[in-house]
Every structure is written in C-alpha cells, then in structure tokens.
N, C-alpha and C. Protein backbone atom coordinates (compact mmCIF):
# COMPACT_ATOMS: atom_id res chain seq x y z
N MET A 1 70.01 81.70 132.96
CA MET A 1 71.22 81.43 133.68
C MET A 1 71.87 82.75 134.04
N ALA A 2 72.53 82.74 135.19
CA ALA A 2 73.28 83.91 135.63
C ALA A 2 74.51 83.45 136.38
N TYR A 3 75.59 84.18 136.20
CA TYR A 3 76.83 83.88 136.91
C TYR A 3 77.36 85.20 137.43
N GLY A 4 77.48 85.30 138.74
CA GLY A 4 77.99 86.53 139.33
C GLY A 4 77.99 86.43 140.84
N PRO A 5 78.36 87.52 141.51
CA PRO A 5 78.36 87.50 142.97
C PRO A 5 76.92 87.35 143.47
N GLY A 6 76.73 86.56 144.49
CA GLY A 6 75.41 86.35 145.04
C GLY A 6 74.94 87.54 145.85
N TYR A 7 73.64 87.59 146.12
CA TYR A 7 73.08 88.69 146.90
C TYR A 7 73.68 88.77 148.29
N SER A 8 73.93 87.62 148.89
CA SER A 8 74.49 87.64 150.25
C SER A 8 75.90 88.23 150.23
N THR A 9 76.66 87.93 149.20
CA THR A 9 78.01 88.49 149.08
C THR A 9 77.95 90.00 148.89
N GLU A 10 77.07 90.46 148.01
CA GLU A 10 76.95 91.89 147.76
C GLU A 10 76.47 92.62 149.01
N GLY A 11 75.51 92.04 149.72
CA GLY A 11 75.01 92.67 150.94
C GLY A 11 76.07 92.77 152.01
N ARG A 12 76.84 91.72 152.17
CA ARG A 12 77.92 91.70 153.17
C ARG A 12 78.98 92.74 152.81
N ASP A 13 79.36 92.81 151.53
CA ASP A 13 80.36 93.78 151.11
C ASP A 13 79.85 95.20 151.28
N GLY A 14 78.60 95.42 150.94
CA GLY A 14 78.00 96.75 151.10
C GLY A 14 77.97 97.17 152.56
N ALA A 15 77.63 96.23 153.44
CA ALA A 15 77.61 96.53 154.87
C ALA A 15 79.00 96.87 155.38
N ARG A 16 80.01 96.23 154.85
CA ARG A 16 81.38 96.52 155.26
C ARG A 16 81.77 97.95 154.87
N TYR A 17 81.36 98.40 153.69
CA TYR A 17 81.64 99.78 153.27
C TYR A 17 80.91 100.78 154.17
N VAL A 18 79.64 100.51 154.46
CA VAL A 18 78.86 101.39 155.33
C VAL A 18 79.51 101.47 156.71
N ASP A 19 79.95 100.34 157.22
CA ASP A 19 80.61 100.31 158.53
C ASP A 19 81.85 101.20 158.54
N ARG A 20 82.66 101.09 157.50
CA ARG A 20 83.88 101.91 157.43
C ARG A 20 83.54 103.40 157.39
N ILE A 21 82.51 103.76 156.63
CA ILE A 21 82.12 105.17 156.51
C ILE A 21 81.58 105.68 157.85
N LEU A 22 80.74 104.89 158.50
CA LEU A 22 80.19 105.31 159.78
C LEU A 22 81.25 105.43 160.87
N LYS A 23 82.35 104.72 160.70
CA LYS A 23 83.45 104.82 161.65
C LYS A 23 84.42 105.95 161.30
N GLY A 24 84.04 106.76 160.31
CA GLY A 24 84.85 107.94 159.99
C GLY A 24 85.67 107.85 158.73
N GLY A 25 85.61 106.72 158.04
CA GLY A 25 86.38 106.59 156.80
C GLY A 25 85.82 107.47 155.71
N ARG A 26 86.69 107.98 154.89
CA ARG A 26 86.25 108.82 153.77
C ARG A 26 85.96 107.92 152.58
N PRO A 27 84.77 108.04 151.99
CA PRO A 27 84.39 107.14 150.89
C PRO A 27 85.39 107.10 149.74
N GLY A 28 86.00 108.22 149.43
CA GLY A 28 86.95 108.28 148.33
C GLY A 28 88.26 107.56 148.62
N GLU A 29 88.51 107.28 149.90
CA GLU A 29 89.77 106.63 150.28
C GLU A 29 89.62 105.13 150.56
N ILE A 30 88.37 104.64 150.54
CA ILE A 30 88.13 103.22 150.78
C ILE A 30 88.37 102.46 149.48
N PRO A 31 89.26 101.47 149.49
CA PRO A 31 89.55 100.74 148.24
C PRO A 31 88.34 99.92 147.76
N VAL A 32 88.23 99.82 146.46
CA VAL A 32 87.18 99.00 145.86
C VAL A 32 87.64 97.55 145.91
N GLU A 33 86.78 96.67 146.38
CA GLU A 33 87.12 95.26 146.50
C GLU A 33 86.39 94.45 145.44
N GLN A 34 87.05 93.48 144.89
CA GLN A 34 86.45 92.58 143.92
C GLN A 34 85.77 91.43 144.66
N PRO A 35 84.64 90.95 144.17
CA PRO A 35 84.02 89.79 144.81
C PRO A 35 84.92 88.56 144.70
N THR A 36 84.86 87.71 145.69
CA THR A 36 85.69 86.51 145.69
C THR A 36 84.86 85.25 145.51
N LYS A 37 83.55 85.34 145.69
CA LYS A 37 82.69 84.17 145.53
C LYS A 37 81.62 84.49 144.50
N PHE A 38 81.47 83.61 143.54
CA PHE A 38 80.47 83.77 142.49
C PHE A 38 79.50 82.60 142.54
N GLU A 39 78.27 82.86 142.11
CA GLU A 39 77.23 81.82 142.07
C GLU A 39 76.76 81.64 140.64
N PHE A 40 76.46 80.38 140.30
CA PHE A 40 75.89 80.04 139.01
C PHE A 40 74.45 79.60 139.26
N VAL A 41 73.50 80.34 138.71
CA VAL A 41 72.08 80.08 138.95
C VAL A 41 71.40 79.74 137.62
N VAL A 42 70.61 78.69 137.62
CA VAL A 42 69.85 78.29 136.44
C VAL A 42 68.37 78.35 136.78
N ASN A 43 67.60 79.07 135.98
CA ASN A 43 66.17 79.18 136.19
C ASN A 43 65.46 78.25 135.20
N LEU A 44 65.11 77.06 135.68
CA LEU A 44 64.45 76.07 134.81
C LEU A 44 63.04 76.48 134.44
N LYS A 45 62.36 77.20 135.32
CA LYS A 45 60.99 77.62 135.04
C LYS A 45 60.97 78.52 133.80
N THR A 46 61.89 79.46 133.73
CA THR A 46 61.96 80.35 132.57
C THR A 46 62.44 79.59 131.34
N ALA A 47 63.40 78.69 131.52
CA ALA A 47 63.89 77.91 130.39
C ALA A 47 62.77 77.10 129.76
N ARG A 48 61.93 76.49 130.58
CA ARG A 48 60.80 75.71 130.05
C ARG A 48 59.84 76.60 129.26
N ARG A 49 59.55 77.77 129.79
CA ARG A 49 58.63 78.70 129.09
C ARG A 49 59.20 79.15 127.75
N LEU A 50 60.52 79.26 127.68
CA LEU A 50 61.16 79.66 126.43
C LEU A 50 61.41 78.49 125.49
N GLY A 51 61.14 77.27 125.98
CA GLY A 51 61.36 76.08 125.17
C GLY A 51 62.82 75.67 125.07
N VAL A 52 63.61 76.06 126.08
CA VAL A 52 65.03 75.74 126.09
C VAL A 52 65.27 74.53 126.98
N THR A 53 66.02 73.58 126.48
CA THR A 53 66.39 72.41 127.27
C THR A 53 67.78 72.64 127.85
N VAL A 54 67.87 72.54 129.16
CA VAL A 54 69.16 72.74 129.83
C VAL A 54 69.75 71.36 130.10
N PRO A 55 70.94 71.08 129.59
CA PRO A 55 71.56 69.77 129.79
C PRO A 55 71.83 69.49 131.28
N GLN A 56 71.77 68.23 131.63
CA GLN A 56 72.03 67.81 133.01
C GLN A 56 73.43 68.20 133.46
N SER A 57 74.38 68.19 132.54
CA SER A 57 75.75 68.56 132.91
C SER A 57 75.82 70.01 133.38
N VAL A 58 74.99 70.88 132.80
CA VAL A 58 74.95 72.28 133.23
C VAL A 58 74.28 72.38 134.60
N LEU A 59 73.20 71.64 134.79
CA LEU A 59 72.50 71.66 136.08
C LEU A 59 73.39 71.15 137.20
N ASN A 60 74.23 70.18 136.89
CA ASN A 60 75.14 69.64 137.91
C ASN A 60 76.15 70.68 138.39
N GLN A 61 76.48 71.64 137.54
CA GLN A 61 77.46 72.66 137.90
C GLN A 61 76.82 73.85 138.61
N ALA A 62 75.51 73.97 138.57
CA ALA A 62 74.82 75.12 139.14
C ALA A 62 74.86 75.09 140.67
N ASP A 63 75.02 76.27 141.25
CA ASP A 63 74.93 76.41 142.71
C ASP A 63 73.47 76.43 143.15
N VAL A 64 72.61 77.05 142.31
CA VAL A 64 71.19 77.15 142.62
C VAL A 64 70.42 76.81 141.34
N VAL A 65 69.39 75.97 141.47
CA VAL A 65 68.50 75.65 140.36
C VAL A 65 67.09 76.05 140.78
N ILE A 66 66.50 76.97 140.04
CA ILE A 66 65.14 77.44 140.34
C ILE A 66 64.18 76.58 139.54
N GLU A 67 63.32 75.87 140.25
CA GLU A 67 62.36 74.96 139.60
C GLU A 67 61.20 75.77 139.13
C-alpha cells in the first residue's frame, strides 16, 4: 500500500517549476508548493505473495488496485 501524491501530480508540478525557470524565474525565489491531491494505491499481487489479506473495506477506499 502507498499513500501520496500521484505521478501525474508530481509531473505536472515539476513541469510548472521548469516553466517558471525557463521564463526567467530564479529557482531560489519560486515558492515550494504542497501537493493537493493524494492517491491511495494497493498492490494485491505483492500482498498475495507476502501472504497478506487485504480487507475489502480497504480496497473500497483505494484509488488504484494493482491486481
């Protein structure tokens, strides 16, 4: 299981920083932004290999379930 900003969110935020720098912004003056969207991912394939049973209630809350 993992809970954090998704790859698409990180990529989009990173591109926004690069855009500001390429437009002449100084990296030290660009404010650090906190992610606003987080994803909850459950990897069932790994859980099965480890012998861990993931309750259905947890799977229902997941944004992504890896079979």
